[in-house]
C-alpha cells in the first residue's frame, strides 16, 4: 500500500507541476500580449486562480505526508523516549487523517453543489469553474490516504518497538 500511495502522490505532484508550468506560460503570454498588443487572454485570471493555483496547492499534500515534509517542531520530540515518540507519531498521523477527511468532506460538498449548478465566473468569457472544484477535495482525500498509510506505519513501529524515522527531508523525489 505504501508504494501505491507514493506512486499516486507523485502522479498528483506531476499534475501540479504541469499546472505550475502552464500557469507560468499563461501569465507570461498574457503580460506580453497586454504589453505589445494591448490584448489579454480572456478568462486567464480565472483559469490561473481557479484551476492551476488550486492544483498547485492541494495536489501535493499527499506527497508531503509520504515524505514527512510537513512543518514540524521537534525541539522536545527528540528528547522524549522512543515509546513516547511512537505514540506522538501515531497521534499526529491520526489527526492529519481526521483533518484532511474533514476538510475534504466539506469541499467535496462544495464541489457537488458547483457540479449541480454548473458554476462559472462571468467575465469577457464565461469560464466554467465547476470542474476545478474537484481538485481541492481530491488533494485532501489523497492527503488523508497518505496520512492513513503513515498512521499504519507508525502503529507498526509502535508495536515492533522500532524507532520512528527522523523528521527530516529524505531527499527522495
N, C-alpha and C. Protein backbone atom coordinates (compact mmCIF):
# COMPACT_ATOMS: atom_id res chain seq x y z
N UNK A 1 0.82 -1.21 0.00
CA UNK A 1 0.00 0.00 0.00
C UNK A 1 0.86 1.26 0.00
N UNK A 2 2.04 1.16 0.65
CA UNK A 2 2.93 2.31 0.69
C UNK A 2 3.36 2.74 -0.71
N UNK A 3 3.75 1.76 -1.52
CA UNK A 3 4.25 2.06 -2.87
C UNK A 3 3.15 2.63 -3.76
N UNK A 4 1.93 2.10 -3.61
CA UNK A 4 0.80 2.61 -4.40
C UNK A 4 0.50 4.05 -4.01
N UNK A 5 0.47 4.30 -2.71
CA UNK A 5 0.20 5.66 -2.22
C UNK A 5 1.28 6.62 -2.70
N UNK A 6 2.53 6.19 -2.64
CA UNK A 6 3.61 7.06 -3.10
C UNK A 6 3.50 7.32 -4.60
N UNK A 7 3.17 6.29 -5.37
CA UNK A 7 3.03 6.46 -6.82
C UNK A 7 1.89 7.43 -7.15
N UNK A 8 0.76 7.27 -6.49
CA UNK A 8 -0.37 8.18 -6.71
C UNK A 8 0.01 9.60 -6.30
N UNK A 9 0.72 9.72 -5.18
CA UNK A 9 1.14 11.04 -4.70
C UNK A 9 2.09 11.71 -5.68
N UNK A 10 3.01 10.95 -6.22
CA UNK A 10 3.96 11.51 -7.18
C UNK A 10 3.25 11.90 -8.49
N UNK A 11 2.27 11.10 -8.89
CA UNK A 11 1.49 11.45 -10.08
C UNK A 11 0.76 12.77 -9.85
N UNK A 12 0.16 12.93 -8.66
CA UNK A 12 -0.55 14.17 -8.34
C UNK A 12 0.41 15.35 -8.35
N UNK A 13 1.63 15.15 -7.85
CA UNK A 13 2.63 16.22 -7.89
C UNK A 13 3.02 16.53 -9.33
N UNK A 14 3.09 15.51 -10.16
CA UNK A 14 3.37 15.73 -11.58
C UNK A 14 2.31 16.59 -12.23
N UNK A 15 1.04 16.30 -11.92
CA UNK A 15 -0.06 17.14 -12.43
C UNK A 15 0.08 18.56 -11.92
N UNK A 16 0.42 18.69 -10.65
CA UNK A 16 0.60 20.01 -10.06
C UNK A 16 1.74 20.76 -10.75
N UNK A 17 2.84 20.06 -11.01
CA UNK A 17 3.97 20.68 -11.69
C UNK A 17 3.61 21.12 -13.10
N UNK A 18 2.85 20.28 -13.80
CA UNK A 18 2.37 20.66 -15.14
C UNK A 18 1.52 21.92 -15.03
N UNK A 19 0.67 21.98 -14.00
CA UNK A 19 -0.16 23.17 -13.79
C UNK A 19 0.66 24.41 -13.53
N UNK A 20 1.75 24.26 -12.79
CA UNK A 20 2.62 25.40 -12.50
C UNK A 20 3.29 25.90 -13.79
N UNK A 21 3.75 24.97 -14.61
CA UNK A 21 4.37 25.35 -15.89
C UNK A 21 3.33 26.05 -16.78
N UNK A 22 2.13 25.48 -16.84
CA UNK A 22 1.07 26.08 -17.64
C UNK A 22 0.71 27.47 -17.10
N UNK A 23 0.70 27.61 -15.78
CA UNK A 23 0.42 28.91 -15.17
C UNK A 23 1.49 29.92 -15.60
N UNK A 24 2.73 29.51 -15.55
CA UNK A 24 3.83 30.38 -15.96
C UNK A 24 3.67 30.82 -17.41
N UNK A 25 3.38 29.88 -18.30
CA UNK A 25 3.23 30.18 -19.72
C UNK A 25 2.05 31.14 -19.93
N UNK A 26 0.92 30.85 -19.29
CA UNK A 26 -0.26 31.69 -19.47
C UNK A 26 -0.05 33.11 -18.96
N UNK A 27 0.56 33.24 -17.79
CA UNK A 27 0.77 34.57 -17.22
C UNK A 27 1.76 35.36 -18.06
N UNK A 28 2.86 34.73 -18.47
CA UNK A 28 3.85 35.43 -19.31
C UNK A 28 3.23 35.82 -20.65
N UNK A 29 2.48 34.90 -21.25
CA UNK A 29 1.83 35.20 -22.53
C UNK A 29 0.86 36.35 -22.38
N UNK A 30 0.10 36.35 -21.29
CA UNK A 30 -0.87 37.43 -21.06
C UNK A 30 -0.16 38.77 -20.89
N UNK A 31 0.94 38.78 -20.14
CA UNK A 31 1.69 40.03 -19.93
C UNK A 31 2.27 40.53 -21.26
N UNK A 32 2.84 39.61 -22.02
CA UNK A 32 3.41 40.01 -23.32
C UNK A 32 2.34 40.52 -24.27
N UNK A 33 1.20 39.85 -24.32
CA UNK A 33 0.11 40.29 -25.20
C UNK A 33 -0.41 41.66 -24.77
N UNK A 34 -0.53 41.88 -23.47
CA UNK A 34 -1.00 43.18 -22.98
C UNK A 34 0.02 44.27 -23.29
N UNK A 35 1.28 43.96 -23.11
CA UNK A 35 2.33 44.95 -23.30
C UNK A 35 2.48 45.35 -24.77
N UNK A 36 2.51 44.36 -25.65
CA UNK A 36 2.83 44.66 -27.05
C UNK A 36 1.62 44.83 -27.95
N UNK A 37 0.48 44.24 -27.59
CA UNK A 37 -0.69 44.30 -28.48
C UNK A 37 -1.94 44.83 -27.80
N UNK A 38 -1.84 45.19 -26.51
CA UNK A 38 -2.97 45.69 -25.74
C UNK A 38 -4.16 44.73 -25.78
N UNK A 39 -3.86 43.44 -25.74
CA UNK A 39 -4.86 42.38 -25.77
C UNK A 39 -4.54 41.43 -24.62
N UNK A 40 -5.56 40.92 -23.98
CA UNK A 40 -5.30 39.93 -22.93
C UNK A 40 -5.99 38.61 -23.28
N UNK A 41 -5.56 37.57 -22.64
CA UNK A 41 -6.16 36.24 -22.84
C UNK A 41 -7.46 36.21 -22.04
N UNK A 42 -8.60 36.03 -22.71
CA UNK A 42 -9.88 36.02 -22.00
C UNK A 42 -9.94 34.87 -20.97
N UNK A 43 -10.37 35.20 -19.77
CA UNK A 43 -10.54 34.20 -18.72
C UNK A 43 -9.24 33.72 -18.09
N UNK A 44 -8.13 34.33 -18.44
CA UNK A 44 -6.83 33.88 -17.93
C UNK A 44 -6.76 33.95 -16.41
N UNK A 45 -7.23 35.05 -15.83
CA UNK A 45 -7.20 35.20 -14.37
C UNK A 45 -7.96 34.06 -13.69
N UNK A 46 -9.13 33.77 -14.21
CA UNK A 46 -9.97 32.73 -13.63
C UNK A 46 -9.34 31.35 -13.77
N UNK A 47 -8.79 31.06 -14.93
CA UNK A 47 -8.16 29.76 -15.15
C UNK A 47 -6.96 29.59 -14.23
N UNK A 48 -6.14 30.63 -14.11
CA UNK A 48 -4.97 30.55 -13.24
C UNK A 48 -5.40 30.39 -11.79
N UNK A 49 -6.34 31.21 -11.34
CA UNK A 49 -6.73 31.19 -9.93
C UNK A 49 -7.60 29.98 -9.56
N UNK A 50 -8.53 29.61 -10.42
CA UNK A 50 -9.48 28.56 -10.07
C UNK A 50 -8.99 27.15 -10.37
N UNK A 51 -8.17 27.01 -11.37
CA UNK A 51 -7.69 25.68 -11.75
C UNK A 51 -6.25 25.46 -11.31
N UNK A 52 -5.36 26.28 -11.84
CA UNK A 52 -3.94 25.99 -11.72
C UNK A 52 -3.38 26.24 -10.32
N UNK A 53 -3.78 27.32 -9.68
CA UNK A 53 -3.29 27.58 -8.32
C UNK A 53 -3.83 26.56 -7.34
N UNK A 54 -5.09 26.18 -7.49
CA UNK A 54 -5.68 25.18 -6.60
C UNK A 54 -4.97 23.84 -6.77
N UNK A 55 -4.67 23.47 -8.01
CA UNK A 55 -3.93 22.23 -8.26
C UNK A 55 -2.54 22.30 -7.64
N UNK A 56 -1.88 23.44 -7.78
CA UNK A 56 -0.52 23.59 -7.25
C UNK A 56 -0.48 23.51 -5.73
N UNK A 57 -1.56 23.91 -5.08
CA UNK A 57 -1.58 23.92 -3.62
C UNK A 57 -2.05 22.59 -3.05
N UNK A 58 -3.12 22.02 -3.59
CA UNK A 58 -3.74 20.86 -2.95
C UNK A 58 -3.26 19.50 -3.44
N UNK A 59 -2.86 19.37 -4.69
CA UNK A 59 -2.46 18.06 -5.18
C UNK A 59 -1.17 17.53 -4.53
N UNK A 60 -0.22 18.38 -4.13
CA UNK A 60 1.00 17.85 -3.49
C UNK A 60 0.84 17.45 -2.02
N UNK A 61 -0.32 17.65 -1.41
CA UNK A 61 -0.47 17.36 0.02
C UNK A 61 -0.12 15.92 0.37
N UNK A 62 -0.50 14.98 -0.47
CA UNK A 62 -0.24 13.57 -0.17
C UNK A 62 1.25 13.28 -0.14
N UNK A 63 1.99 13.84 -1.08
CA UNK A 63 3.43 13.58 -1.09
C UNK A 63 4.11 14.20 0.13
N UNK A 64 3.59 15.33 0.60
CA UNK A 64 4.12 15.90 1.84
C UNK A 64 3.98 14.89 2.99
N UNK A 65 2.86 14.21 3.04
CA UNK A 65 2.65 13.19 4.06
C UNK A 65 3.59 12.02 3.86
N UNK A 66 3.69 11.54 2.63
CA UNK A 66 4.52 10.37 2.33
C UNK A 66 5.98 10.63 2.72
N UNK A 67 6.48 11.80 2.42
CA UNK A 67 7.89 12.12 2.67
C UNK A 67 8.13 12.75 4.04
N UNK A 68 7.09 12.89 4.86
CA UNK A 68 7.20 13.56 6.17
C UNK A 68 7.79 14.95 6.03
N UNK A 69 7.28 15.70 5.07
CA UNK A 69 7.81 17.03 4.80
C UNK A 69 6.91 18.14 5.35
N UNK A 70 6.00 17.79 6.22
CA UNK A 70 5.17 18.82 6.85
C UNK A 70 6.03 19.61 7.84
N UNK A 71 5.55 20.76 8.21
CA UNK A 71 6.26 21.59 9.17
C UNK A 71 6.20 20.90 10.53
N UNK A 72 7.35 20.73 11.15
CA UNK A 72 7.41 20.11 12.47
C UNK A 72 8.32 20.93 13.37
N UNK A 73 8.01 20.89 14.64
CA UNK A 73 8.87 21.48 15.66
C UNK A 73 9.25 20.33 16.57
N UNK A 74 10.49 19.92 16.47
CA UNK A 74 10.89 18.73 17.22
C UNK A 74 11.95 19.01 18.28
N UNK A 75 11.92 20.21 18.84
CA UNK A 75 12.89 20.57 19.88
C UNK A 75 12.73 19.66 21.10
N UNK A 76 11.52 19.35 21.46
CA UNK A 76 11.25 18.48 22.61
C UNK A 76 11.13 17.02 22.18
N UNK A 77 10.60 16.80 21.01
CA UNK A 77 10.34 15.46 20.49
C UNK A 77 11.59 14.58 20.52
N UNK A 78 12.73 15.10 20.09
CA UNK A 78 13.97 14.33 20.04
C UNK A 78 14.46 13.89 21.41
N UNK A 79 14.02 14.56 22.45
CA UNK A 79 14.49 14.25 23.81
C UNK A 79 13.56 13.27 24.53
N UNK A 80 12.45 12.94 23.89
CA UNK A 80 11.49 12.03 24.52
C UNK A 80 11.91 10.58 24.30
N UNK A 81 11.44 9.68 25.18
CA UNK A 81 11.71 8.25 24.97
C UNK A 81 11.07 7.77 23.67
N UNK A 82 11.63 6.73 23.09
CA UNK A 82 11.16 6.21 21.81
C UNK A 82 9.68 5.86 21.83
N UNK A 83 9.22 5.27 22.91
CA UNK A 83 7.81 4.87 23.00
C UNK A 83 6.90 6.10 22.93
N UNK A 84 7.30 7.19 23.55
CA UNK A 84 6.51 8.42 23.51
C UNK A 84 6.56 9.02 22.10
N UNK A 85 7.72 8.97 21.46
CA UNK A 85 7.82 9.44 20.08
C UNK A 85 6.90 8.63 19.17
N UNK A 86 6.88 7.31 19.37
CA UNK A 86 5.99 6.45 18.58
C UNK A 86 4.53 6.82 18.80
N UNK A 87 4.15 7.03 20.05
CA UNK A 87 2.77 7.40 20.36
C UNK A 87 2.41 8.76 19.74
N UNK A 88 3.33 9.70 19.82
CA UNK A 88 3.09 11.01 19.23
C UNK A 88 2.99 10.93 17.71
N UNK A 89 3.79 10.05 17.09
CA UNK A 89 3.69 9.86 15.64
C UNK A 89 2.32 9.32 15.26
N UNK A 90 1.84 8.33 16.00
CA UNK A 90 0.51 7.77 15.72
C UNK A 90 -0.55 8.85 15.88
N UNK A 91 -0.47 9.60 16.96
CA UNK A 91 -1.45 10.67 17.21
C UNK A 91 -1.39 11.74 16.11
N UNK A 92 -0.19 12.15 15.72
CA UNK A 92 -0.05 13.18 14.69
C UNK A 92 -0.63 12.71 13.36
N UNK A 93 -0.33 11.47 12.98
CA UNK A 93 -0.86 10.96 11.72
C UNK A 93 -2.37 10.78 11.77
N UNK A 94 -2.89 10.34 12.90
CA UNK A 94 -4.35 10.22 13.04
C UNK A 94 -5.03 11.58 12.94
N UNK A 95 -4.44 12.58 13.58
CA UNK A 95 -5.01 13.93 13.48
C UNK A 95 -4.96 14.44 12.05
N UNK A 96 -3.88 14.13 11.34
CA UNK A 96 -3.78 14.53 9.93
C UNK A 96 -4.88 13.85 9.11
N UNK A 97 -5.11 12.56 9.35
CA UNK A 97 -6.18 11.84 8.65
C UNK A 97 -7.52 12.53 8.89
N UNK A 98 -7.81 12.81 10.16
CA UNK A 98 -9.09 13.45 10.50
C UNK A 98 -9.21 14.84 9.89
N UNK A 99 -8.13 15.61 9.95
CA UNK A 99 -8.13 16.96 9.40
C UNK A 99 -8.38 16.94 7.90
N UNK A 100 -7.64 16.10 7.19
CA UNK A 100 -7.80 16.00 5.74
C UNK A 100 -9.20 15.49 5.37
N UNK A 101 -9.68 14.49 6.10
CA UNK A 101 -11.01 13.97 5.79
C UNK A 101 -12.10 15.01 6.04
N UNK A 102 -11.99 15.73 7.15
CA UNK A 102 -12.99 16.76 7.45
C UNK A 102 -13.00 17.85 6.39
N UNK A 103 -11.84 18.39 6.07
CA UNK A 103 -11.78 19.43 5.04
C UNK A 103 -12.17 18.87 3.68
N UNK A 104 -11.73 17.65 3.39
CA UNK A 104 -12.08 17.03 2.11
C UNK A 104 -13.58 16.86 1.97
N UNK A 105 -14.24 16.44 3.05
CA UNK A 105 -15.70 16.26 3.01
C UNK A 105 -16.40 17.61 2.80
N UNK A 106 -15.94 18.63 3.51
CA UNK A 106 -16.55 19.96 3.36
C UNK A 106 -16.42 20.43 1.91
N UNK A 107 -15.22 20.33 1.34
CA UNK A 107 -15.02 20.81 -0.02
C UNK A 107 -15.60 19.87 -1.07
N UNK A 108 -15.79 18.61 -0.71
CA UNK A 108 -16.50 17.69 -1.60
C UNK A 108 -17.94 18.15 -1.77
N UNK A 109 -18.56 18.56 -0.67
CA UNK A 109 -19.94 19.07 -0.74
C UNK A 109 -20.00 20.34 -1.60
N UNK A 110 -18.99 21.21 -1.45
CA UNK A 110 -18.91 22.42 -2.28
C UNK A 110 -18.79 22.03 -3.75
N UNK A 111 -17.96 21.04 -4.04
CA UNK A 111 -17.76 20.58 -5.42
C UNK A 111 -19.05 20.01 -6.00
N UNK A 112 -19.79 19.24 -5.21
CA UNK A 112 -21.06 18.67 -5.67
C UNK A 112 -22.04 19.78 -6.01
N UNK A 113 -22.13 20.78 -5.14
CA UNK A 113 -23.04 21.91 -5.40
C UNK A 113 -22.61 22.65 -6.68
N UNK A 114 -21.30 22.83 -6.87
CA UNK A 114 -20.81 23.50 -8.07
C UNK A 114 -21.14 22.69 -9.32
N UNK A 115 -21.03 21.37 -9.23
CA UNK A 115 -21.39 20.50 -10.36
C UNK A 115 -22.88 20.61 -10.67
N UNK A 116 -23.69 20.63 -9.62
CA UNK A 116 -25.14 20.67 -9.82
C UNK A 116 -25.60 21.95 -10.52
N UNK A 117 -24.99 23.07 -10.17
CA UNK A 117 -25.41 24.35 -10.78
C UNK A 117 -24.54 24.75 -11.96
N UNK A 118 -23.54 23.91 -12.29
CA UNK A 118 -22.61 24.22 -13.38
C UNK A 118 -22.00 25.61 -13.18
N UNK A 119 -21.37 25.80 -12.03
CA UNK A 119 -20.81 27.08 -11.62
C UNK A 119 -19.80 27.62 -12.64
N UNK A 120 -19.89 28.90 -12.89
CA UNK A 120 -18.94 29.56 -13.78
C UNK A 120 -18.73 30.99 -13.30
N UNK A 121 -17.68 31.60 -13.81
CA UNK A 121 -17.40 33.01 -13.49
C UNK A 121 -17.61 33.81 -14.76
N UNK A 122 -18.39 34.87 -14.62
CA UNK A 122 -18.70 35.72 -15.75
C UNK A 122 -17.60 36.76 -15.93
N UNK A 123 -17.18 36.94 -17.13
CA UNK A 123 -16.17 37.94 -17.47
C UNK A 123 -16.26 38.20 -18.96
N UNK A 124 -15.11 38.41 -19.58
CA UNK A 124 -15.09 38.54 -21.03
C UNK A 124 -15.69 37.28 -21.65
N UNK A 125 -15.30 36.15 -21.07
CA UNK A 125 -15.90 34.86 -21.41
C UNK A 125 -16.45 34.25 -20.14
N UNK A 126 -17.49 33.48 -20.26
CA UNK A 126 -17.98 32.73 -19.11
C UNK A 126 -17.10 31.49 -18.95
N UNK A 127 -16.32 31.47 -17.88
CA UNK A 127 -15.38 30.38 -17.65
C UNK A 127 -16.00 29.41 -16.64
N UNK A 128 -16.24 28.17 -17.05
CA UNK A 128 -16.79 27.19 -16.10
C UNK A 128 -15.72 26.81 -15.08
N UNK A 129 -16.07 26.94 -13.81
CA UNK A 129 -15.12 26.56 -12.77
C UNK A 129 -15.58 25.32 -12.01
N UNK A 130 -16.77 24.80 -12.34
CA UNK A 130 -17.24 23.63 -11.61
C UNK A 130 -16.31 22.43 -11.76
N UNK A 131 -15.63 22.21 -12.90
CA UNK A 131 -14.71 21.06 -12.93
C UNK A 131 -13.52 21.24 -11.97
N UNK A 132 -13.08 22.48 -11.77
CA UNK A 132 -11.93 22.74 -10.90
C UNK A 132 -12.25 22.50 -9.43
N UNK A 133 -13.51 22.53 -9.08
CA UNK A 133 -13.90 22.37 -7.67
C UNK A 133 -13.53 20.99 -7.12
N UNK A 134 -13.29 20.02 -7.98
CA UNK A 134 -12.95 18.68 -7.52
C UNK A 134 -11.47 18.58 -7.11
N UNK A 135 -10.64 19.52 -7.55
CA UNK A 135 -9.21 19.46 -7.25
C UNK A 135 -8.93 19.55 -5.75
N UNK A 136 -9.64 20.43 -5.05
CA UNK A 136 -9.40 20.62 -3.63
C UNK A 136 -9.74 19.36 -2.83
N UNK A 137 -10.96 18.82 -2.95
CA UNK A 137 -11.23 17.59 -2.18
C UNK A 137 -10.37 16.42 -2.64
N UNK A 138 -10.02 16.36 -3.92
CA UNK A 138 -9.17 15.27 -4.39
C UNK A 138 -7.81 15.33 -3.69
N UNK A 139 -7.21 16.50 -3.62
CA UNK A 139 -5.93 16.65 -2.93
C UNK A 139 -6.04 16.33 -1.46
N UNK A 140 -7.13 16.76 -0.83
CA UNK A 140 -7.32 16.49 0.59
C UNK A 140 -7.57 15.00 0.86
N UNK A 141 -8.34 14.35 0.01
CA UNK A 141 -8.58 12.92 0.20
C UNK A 141 -7.31 12.12 -0.06
N UNK A 142 -6.51 12.53 -1.05
CA UNK A 142 -5.22 11.87 -1.25
C UNK A 142 -4.31 12.08 -0.04
N UNK A 143 -4.34 13.27 0.53
CA UNK A 143 -3.57 13.54 1.74
C UNK A 143 -4.02 12.66 2.89
N UNK A 144 -5.34 12.44 3.00
CA UNK A 144 -5.84 11.58 4.08
C UNK A 144 -5.42 10.13 3.86
N UNK A 145 -5.40 9.69 2.60
CA UNK A 145 -4.94 8.34 2.31
C UNK A 145 -3.48 8.18 2.70
N UNK A 146 -2.65 9.13 2.33
CA UNK A 146 -1.23 9.07 2.68
C UNK A 146 -1.04 9.13 4.19
N UNK A 147 -1.81 9.96 4.88
CA UNK A 147 -1.71 10.04 6.34
C UNK A 147 -2.18 8.74 6.99
N UNK A 148 -3.17 8.09 6.39
CA UNK A 148 -3.64 6.81 6.91
C UNK A 148 -2.55 5.75 6.78
N UNK A 149 -1.87 5.73 5.65
CA UNK A 149 -0.75 4.79 5.46
C UNK A 149 0.36 5.10 6.47
N UNK A 150 0.64 6.38 6.67
CA UNK A 150 1.66 6.75 7.66
C UNK A 150 1.23 6.37 9.07
N UNK A 151 -0.08 6.44 9.35
CA UNK A 151 -0.59 6.00 10.66
C UNK A 151 -0.33 4.52 10.85
N UNK A 152 -0.62 3.73 9.82
CA UNK A 152 -0.38 2.29 9.90
C UNK A 152 1.10 2.00 10.13
N UNK A 153 1.97 2.72 9.45
CA UNK A 153 3.41 2.53 9.65
C UNK A 153 3.83 2.92 11.07
N UNK A 154 3.26 4.01 11.57
CA UNK A 154 3.59 4.45 12.94
C UNK A 154 3.10 3.43 13.96
N UNK A 155 1.92 2.84 13.73
CA UNK A 155 1.42 1.79 14.64
C UNK A 155 2.33 0.57 14.57
N UNK A 156 2.77 0.23 13.36
CA UNK A 156 3.69 -0.90 13.21
C UNK A 156 4.99 -0.64 13.96
N UNK A 157 5.51 0.59 13.87
CA UNK A 157 6.72 0.95 14.63
C UNK A 157 6.48 0.86 16.12
N UNK A 158 5.31 1.29 16.55
CA UNK A 158 4.98 1.25 17.98
C UNK A 158 4.93 -0.19 18.48
N UNK A 159 4.28 -1.07 17.73
CA UNK A 159 4.15 -2.47 18.13
C UNK A 159 5.51 -3.18 18.07
N UNK A 160 6.28 -2.92 17.02
CA UNK A 160 7.57 -3.59 16.85
C UNK A 160 8.66 -3.01 17.75
N UNK A 161 8.42 -1.81 18.26
CA UNK A 161 9.42 -1.17 19.10
C UNK A 161 10.58 -0.59 18.33
N UNK A 162 10.39 -0.37 17.03
CA UNK A 162 11.45 0.25 16.23
C UNK A 162 11.34 1.76 16.33
N UNK A 163 12.47 2.43 16.26
CA UNK A 163 12.42 3.89 16.37
C UNK A 163 11.73 4.51 15.15
N UNK A 164 11.04 5.61 15.37
CA UNK A 164 10.39 6.29 14.24
C UNK A 164 11.45 6.87 13.33
N UNK A 165 11.09 7.06 12.06
CA UNK A 165 12.05 7.67 11.14
C UNK A 165 12.32 9.12 11.56
N UNK A 166 13.52 9.61 11.27
CA UNK A 166 13.83 11.00 11.65
C UNK A 166 12.95 11.98 10.90
N UNK A 167 12.65 13.08 11.54
CA UNK A 167 11.83 14.13 10.93
C UNK A 167 12.72 15.08 10.15
N UNK A 168 13.15 14.62 9.01
CA UNK A 168 13.97 15.45 8.14
C UNK A 168 13.72 15.06 6.71
N UNK A 169 14.18 15.87 5.80
CA UNK A 169 13.97 15.60 4.39
C UNK A 169 14.67 14.31 4.00
N UNK A 170 13.95 13.44 3.31
CA UNK A 170 14.52 12.18 2.89
C UNK A 170 15.36 12.34 1.63
N UNK A 171 15.24 13.48 0.99
CA UNK A 171 15.99 13.71 -0.24
C UNK A 171 15.39 12.97 -1.43
N UNK A 172 14.31 12.23 -1.19
CA UNK A 172 13.68 11.49 -2.27
C UNK A 172 12.85 12.43 -3.13
N UNK A 173 12.73 12.08 -4.38
CA UNK A 173 11.91 12.74 -5.37
C UNK A 173 12.73 13.34 -6.41
